[in-house]
């Protein structure tokens, strides 16, 4: 057997494991996983400066599950023992998230230029960091990691499309070799562009982290229509809310869950009908009362899902 055929077989087995995890997740969804075993908090929403502070703030939300930001654990000594401290506190790590260097969220145009793995100027550094994040995710026992890929080019932009496809296949294969699935954030591009990109990517361990509020914040479409298209790829859902901008080309506004334009009742029903039983991670990236807003989001989910 050649080295290349051995590599293909290894990746096939690893991807199969990640796909099996997704199938199992949908089977669990059909079996109605209790909400308490699905709701989590995005660690970065609480703006903690250390693992100890994260645990203190999580306790105030009443939720003992978190999607953990990987980059602080990779780069900051105050986070090195985060996994051990979470285990000791009975806090589960449901998934991970990595960021990318050089991102500028000042305006929609600035994030279009600088976001994710699309820019050439930051690709080499981001690829080095992503490989380390994959190793860390494996050490933490994570089966899902999410990230912002950037503004994905349409197939009509052949050169850019091919370049970003190659980069994401490279990332996908690196995580698949460790039995880890990936979820790309939604919102930057229209849903048909994202779906076409995923089909062309041909990586079964790559899906989406469905974030309906992002679709409103970026002004890229209708979240209810989007969930129906993206349902086969949904690995995780971010729970937040937003209102649309009145000025085209500018950001919408993030607001507490239940105060915005995300039709959570319809979206949650669509996810349930599709057999999705995965994590519902509350994300709050604005405001000065984040613990209270996260508690409110949890209560809103309890009313809608029960």
Protein backbone atom coordinates (compact mmCIF):
# COMPACT_ATOMS: atom_id res chain seq x y z
CA UNK A 1 0.00 0.00 0.00
CA UNK A 2 1.40 3.44 -0.95
CA UNK A 3 1.89 6.29 1.51
CA UNK A 4 -0.85 8.24 -0.26
CA UNK A 5 -3.35 5.37 -0.13
CA UNK A 6 -2.54 4.88 3.55
CA UNK A 7 -3.18 8.57 4.18
CA UNK A 8 -6.50 8.39 2.30
CA UNK A 9 -7.61 5.40 4.35
CA UNK A 10 -6.63 7.14 7.61
CA UNK A 11 -8.54 10.27 6.66
CA UNK A 12 -11.52 8.21 5.50
CA UNK A 13 -11.68 6.47 8.88
CA UNK A 14 -11.25 9.72 10.78
CA UNK A 15 -13.91 11.50 8.75
CA UNK A 16 -16.21 8.52 9.21
CA UNK A 17 -15.85 8.96 12.95
CA UNK A 18 -16.73 12.63 12.76
CA UNK A 19 -19.70 11.89 10.49
CA UNK A 20 -20.86 9.12 12.82
CA UNK A 21 -20.83 11.65 15.65
CA UNK A 22 -23.10 13.89 13.59
CA UNK A 23 -25.46 11.01 12.81
CA UNK A 24 -25.55 10.08 16.49
CA UNK A 25 -26.31 13.71 17.34
CA UNK A 26 -29.35 13.68 15.03
CA UNK A 27 -30.50 10.36 16.45
CA UNK A 28 -30.31 11.91 19.90
CA UNK A 29 -32.26 14.88 18.59
CA UNK A 30 -35.05 12.56 17.52
CA UNK A 31 -34.98 11.08 21.02
CA UNK A 32 -35.51 14.58 22.49
CA UNK A 33 -32.37 15.35 24.47
CA UNK A 34 -33.26 17.36 27.59
CA UNK A 35 -32.64 21.08 27.18
CA UNK A 36 -30.34 21.07 30.21
CA UNK A 37 -28.01 18.76 28.26
CA UNK A 38 -27.95 21.04 25.22
CA UNK A 39 -27.75 24.63 26.46
CA UNK A 40 -24.25 26.07 26.84
CA UNK A 41 -22.56 29.46 27.06
CA UNK A 42 -19.85 30.73 24.71
CA UNK A 43 -16.92 31.38 27.03
CA UNK A 44 -15.91 34.63 25.30
CA UNK A 45 -19.39 36.08 25.90
CA UNK A 46 -18.52 36.45 29.57
CA UNK A 47 -15.23 38.23 28.78
CA UNK A 48 -13.28 36.26 31.42
CA UNK A 49 -9.62 37.05 31.99
CA UNK A 50 -8.82 33.59 33.38
CA UNK A 51 -10.25 30.11 33.78
CA UNK A 52 -11.16 30.91 37.38
CA UNK A 53 -13.13 33.96 36.33
CA UNK A 54 -14.92 31.97 33.63
CA UNK A 55 -16.11 29.46 36.23
CA UNK A 56 -17.26 32.21 38.59
CA UNK A 57 -19.30 33.89 35.84
CA UNK A 58 -20.69 30.61 34.53
CA UNK A 59 -21.96 29.83 38.03
CA UNK A 60 -23.90 33.09 37.94
CA UNK A 61 -25.63 32.07 34.71
CA UNK A 62 -26.80 28.75 36.16
CA UNK A 63 -25.35 26.88 33.15
CA UNK A 64 -22.58 24.28 33.49
CA UNK A 65 -21.73 23.77 29.84
CA UNK A 66 -19.53 25.95 27.67
CA UNK A 67 -18.15 26.34 24.18
CA UNK A 68 -14.54 27.14 25.00
CA UNK A 69 -12.34 29.62 23.13
CA UNK A 70 -9.14 27.72 22.27
CA UNK A 71 -6.77 30.60 21.58
CA UNK A 72 -6.51 31.84 25.20
CA UNK A 73 -5.65 28.31 26.37
CA UNK A 74 -3.01 28.10 23.64
CA UNK A 75 -1.39 31.48 24.35
CA UNK A 76 -2.10 32.58 27.96
CA UNK A 77 -0.67 30.93 31.08
CA UNK A 78 -3.78 31.93 33.07
CA UNK A 79 -5.76 29.48 30.92
CA UNK A 80 -3.38 26.52 30.76
CA UNK A 81 -5.25 24.46 33.37
CA UNK A 82 -8.73 25.44 32.14
CA UNK A 83 -9.75 21.87 31.29
CA UNK A 84 -8.79 20.51 34.72
CA UNK A 85 -10.56 23.36 36.51
CA UNK A 86 -13.70 22.88 34.43
CA UNK A 87 -13.77 19.16 35.20
CA UNK A 88 -13.32 19.84 38.91
CA UNK A 89 -16.24 22.30 38.81
CA UNK A 90 -18.48 19.91 36.87
CA UNK A 91 -18.44 22.12 33.78
CA UNK A 92 -18.60 20.35 30.42
CA UNK A 93 -16.79 21.54 27.30
CA UNK A 94 -19.29 21.00 24.47
CA UNK A 95 -17.14 22.37 21.65
CA UNK A 96 -14.27 24.69 20.86
CA UNK A 97 -13.77 27.86 18.84
CA UNK A 98 -10.70 29.37 17.24
CA UNK A 99 -10.21 32.88 15.94
CA UNK A 100 -7.98 34.24 13.20
CA UNK A 101 -5.37 36.98 13.23
CA UNK A 102 -5.89 40.38 11.64
CA UNK A 103 -9.68 40.57 11.84
CA UNK A 104 -11.14 44.09 11.91
CA UNK A 105 -14.84 44.24 12.76
CA UNK A 106 -15.07 48.05 12.63
CA UNK A 107 -17.25 47.99 9.52
CA UNK A 108 -18.71 45.38 7.18
CA UNK A 109 -16.16 46.37 4.57
CA UNK A 110 -13.22 46.03 6.98
CA UNK A 111 -14.24 42.53 8.07
CA UNK A 112 -14.81 41.54 4.45
CA UNK A 113 -11.16 42.45 3.75
CA UNK A 114 -9.66 40.94 6.91
CA UNK A 115 -11.90 38.12 8.10
CA UNK A 116 -11.11 34.45 8.54
CA UNK A 117 -8.73 32.42 6.39
CA UNK A 118 -9.44 34.32 3.17
CA UNK A 119 -6.75 37.07 3.35
CA UNK A 120 -3.35 36.09 1.97
CA UNK A 121 -1.48 38.41 4.32
CA UNK A 122 -2.43 36.45 7.45
CA UNK A 123 -2.85 32.93 6.05
CA UNK A 124 0.57 31.55 6.99
CA UNK A 125 0.28 32.72 10.62
CA UNK A 126 -3.32 31.56 10.86
CA UNK A 127 -2.45 28.12 9.48
CA UNK A 128 0.28 27.69 12.11
CA UNK A 129 -2.14 28.70 14.87
CA UNK A 130 -4.94 26.50 13.53
CA UNK A 131 -2.71 23.43 13.60
CA UNK A 132 -1.89 24.11 17.26
CA UNK A 133 -5.58 24.67 18.03
CA UNK A 134 -6.39 21.30 16.45
CA UNK A 135 -3.84 19.59 18.70
CA UNK A 136 -5.30 21.38 21.71
CA UNK A 137 -8.86 20.45 20.76
CA UNK A 138 -7.82 16.81 20.55
CA UNK A 139 -6.16 17.00 23.97
CA UNK A 140 -9.38 18.46 25.39
CA UNK A 141 -11.42 15.62 23.90
CA UNK A 142 -13.50 17.94 21.74
CA UNK A 143 -15.46 16.55 18.80
CA UNK A 144 -16.51 19.89 17.30
CA UNK A 145 -14.68 23.18 16.70
CA UNK A 146 -16.26 26.25 15.09
CA UNK A 147 -14.73 29.29 13.41
CA UNK A 148 -15.34 32.20 11.05
CA UNK A 149 -13.96 31.19 7.66
CA UNK A 150 -14.37 34.72 6.29
CA UNK A 151 -16.45 35.93 3.34
CA UNK A 152 -16.59 32.91 1.06
CA UNK A 153 -16.29 33.76 -2.64
CA UNK A 154 -18.95 32.51 -5.06
CA UNK A 155 -18.08 29.90 -7.67
CA UNK A 156 -18.16 32.58 -10.37
CA UNK A 157 -14.94 33.99 -8.86
CA UNK A 158 -12.98 30.92 -9.91
CA UNK A 159 -9.49 31.84 -8.69
CA UNK A 160 -10.58 33.09 -5.25
CA UNK A 161 -13.05 30.21 -4.89
CA UNK A 162 -10.38 27.61 -5.62
CA UNK A 163 -7.88 29.19 -3.22
CA UNK A 164 -10.29 29.29 -0.27
CA UNK A 165 -11.57 25.79 -1.04
CA UNK A 166 -7.97 24.50 -0.92
CA UNK A 167 -7.33 26.21 2.43
CA UNK A 168 -10.50 24.86 3.99
CA UNK A 169 -9.83 21.34 2.74
CA UNK A 170 -6.39 21.60 4.32
CA UNK A 171 -7.94 22.69 7.63
CA UNK A 172 -10.71 20.09 7.40
CA UNK A 173 -8.29 17.22 6.78
CA UNK A 174 -6.08 18.30 9.68
CA UNK A 175 -9.04 18.19 12.08
CA UNK A 176 -10.51 15.03 10.52
CA UNK A 177 -7.27 13.21 11.21
CA UNK A 178 -8.00 13.89 14.89
CA UNK A 179 -11.65 12.84 14.72
CA UNK A 180 -12.92 16.42 14.99
CA UNK A 181 -15.75 18.01 13.02
CA UNK A 182 -15.79 21.67 12.02
CA UNK A 183 -18.63 24.19 12.01
CA UNK A 184 -18.27 27.31 9.87
CA UNK A 185 -20.13 30.36 11.15
CA UNK A 186 -23.07 31.58 9.10
CA UNK A 187 -23.98 35.13 8.19
CA UNK A 188 -21.26 36.67 6.06
CA UNK A 189 -22.49 35.41 2.71
CA UNK A 190 -25.95 34.56 1.38
CA UNK A 191 -27.14 31.07 2.21
CA UNK A 192 -27.05 29.81 -1.39
CA UNK A 193 -23.38 30.82 -1.68
CA UNK A 194 -22.54 28.97 1.55
CA UNK A 195 -24.48 25.85 0.53
CA UNK A 196 -22.77 25.75 -2.88
CA UNK A 197 -19.38 26.18 -1.21
CA UNK A 198 -20.05 23.30 1.18
CA UNK A 199 -21.17 21.00 -1.63
CA UNK A 200 -18.04 21.75 -3.66
CA UNK A 201 -15.81 21.34 -0.59
CA UNK A 202 -16.59 17.61 -0.34
CA UNK A 203 -15.51 17.29 3.28
CA UNK A 204 -18.01 15.38 5.39
CA UNK A 205 -16.56 16.59 8.67
CA UNK A 206 -17.36 20.22 7.75
CA UNK A 207 -20.75 21.70 8.57
CA UNK A 208 -22.07 24.96 9.95
CA UNK A 209 -22.47 26.63 13.28
CA UNK A 210 -25.89 28.10 12.57
CA UNK A 211 -26.13 31.67 13.88
CA UNK A 212 -29.39 33.30 12.76
CA UNK A 213 -28.54 36.60 14.45
CA UNK A 214 -25.41 36.90 12.31
CA UNK A 215 -27.57 36.69 9.19
CA UNK A 216 -29.43 39.76 10.46
CA UNK A 217 -26.30 41.58 11.63
CA UNK A 218 -24.61 41.14 8.25
CA UNK A 219 -27.84 41.76 6.33
CA UNK A 220 -27.33 38.61 4.28
CA UNK A 221 -30.85 37.17 4.22
CA UNK A 222 -33.70 35.60 6.17
CA UNK A 223 -32.72 33.26 9.04
CA UNK A 224 -35.88 31.14 8.73
CA UNK A 225 -35.27 30.52 5.03
CA UNK A 226 -31.57 29.90 5.76
CA UNK A 227 -32.13 27.18 8.36
CA UNK A 228 -34.22 25.18 5.89
CA UNK A 229 -31.37 25.23 3.35
CA UNK A 230 -28.54 24.62 5.81
CA UNK A 231 -30.22 22.02 8.03
CA UNK A 232 -28.22 19.06 6.62
CA UNK A 233 -25.00 20.78 7.68
CA UNK A 234 -25.99 22.16 11.11
CA UNK A 235 -23.58 20.94 13.81
CA UNK A 236 -24.34 23.53 16.47
CA UNK A 237 -26.50 26.62 16.93
CA UNK A 238 -25.55 29.98 18.47
CA UNK A 239 -28.40 31.57 20.39
CA UNK A 240 -28.38 35.35 20.20
CA UNK A 241 -30.58 38.07 18.72
CA UNK A 242 -30.31 41.16 16.55
CA UNK A 243 -32.19 43.86 14.69
CA UNK A 244 -31.47 44.87 11.11
CA UNK A 245 -29.71 48.07 10.20
CA UNK A 246 -31.70 50.88 8.63
CA UNK A 247 -28.60 51.97 6.70
CA UNK A 248 -27.54 49.47 4.02
CA UNK A 249 -23.87 48.53 4.22
CA UNK A 250 -23.64 48.97 8.00
CA UNK A 251 -23.90 46.55 10.90
CA UNK A 252 -27.18 45.58 12.48
CA UNK A 253 -27.45 45.76 16.26
CA UNK A 254 -27.10 42.81 18.63
CA UNK A 255 -29.75 42.76 21.39
CA UNK A 256 -30.74 40.31 24.17
CA UNK A 257 -32.52 37.15 23.03
CA UNK A 258 -36.23 37.82 22.63
CA UNK A 259 -35.73 41.53 21.96
CA UNK A 260 -34.73 41.26 18.31
CA UNK A 261 -35.91 39.96 14.95
CA UNK A 262 -34.79 36.32 15.14
CA UNK A 263 -37.89 34.10 15.02
CA UNK A 264 -36.54 31.62 17.54
CA UNK A 265 -39.81 29.70 17.86
CA UNK A 266 -39.87 28.86 14.14
CA UNK A 267 -36.12 28.19 13.92
CA UNK A 268 -36.10 25.84 16.90
CA UNK A 269 -39.06 23.95 15.46
CA UNK A 270 -37.25 23.61 12.12
CA UNK A 271 -34.12 22.31 13.83
CA UNK A 272 -36.15 19.82 15.85
CA UNK A 273 -38.08 18.65 12.79
CA UNK A 274 -34.76 18.03 11.05
CA UNK A 275 -33.55 15.85 13.93
CA UNK A 276 -30.98 18.32 15.24
CA UNK A 277 -30.25 17.62 18.91
CA UNK A 278 -26.88 19.31 19.24
CA UNK A 279 -25.62 22.19 21.38
CA UNK A 280 -27.54 25.44 21.71
CA UNK A 281 -24.78 27.83 22.74
CA UNK A 282 -25.85 31.20 24.07
CA UNK A 283 -23.62 33.95 22.68
CA UNK A 284 -23.68 37.58 23.85
CA UNK A 285 -21.09 39.90 22.32
CA UNK A 286 -22.55 43.29 23.25
CA UNK A 287 -23.98 45.04 26.29
CA UNK A 288 -22.83 45.54 29.86
CA UNK A 289 -25.14 43.03 31.56
CA UNK A 290 -24.03 39.83 29.93
CA UNK A 291 -24.68 37.45 32.81
CA UNK A 292 -28.25 38.76 33.11
CA UNK A 293 -28.73 38.60 29.34
CA UNK A 294 -27.48 35.02 29.22
CA UNK A 295 -29.83 34.03 32.03
CA UNK A 296 -32.69 35.66 30.12
CA UNK A 297 -31.71 33.74 26.98
CA UNK A 298 -31.72 30.47 28.95
CA UNK A 299 -35.20 31.28 30.29
CA UNK A 300 -36.38 32.10 26.78
CA UNK A 301 -35.15 28.71 25.55
CA UNK A 302 -36.90 26.99 28.44
CA UNK A 303 -40.18 28.62 27.44
CA UNK A 304 -39.76 27.73 23.77
CA UNK A 305 -38.31 24.23 24.08
CA UNK A 306 -39.38 23.13 27.55
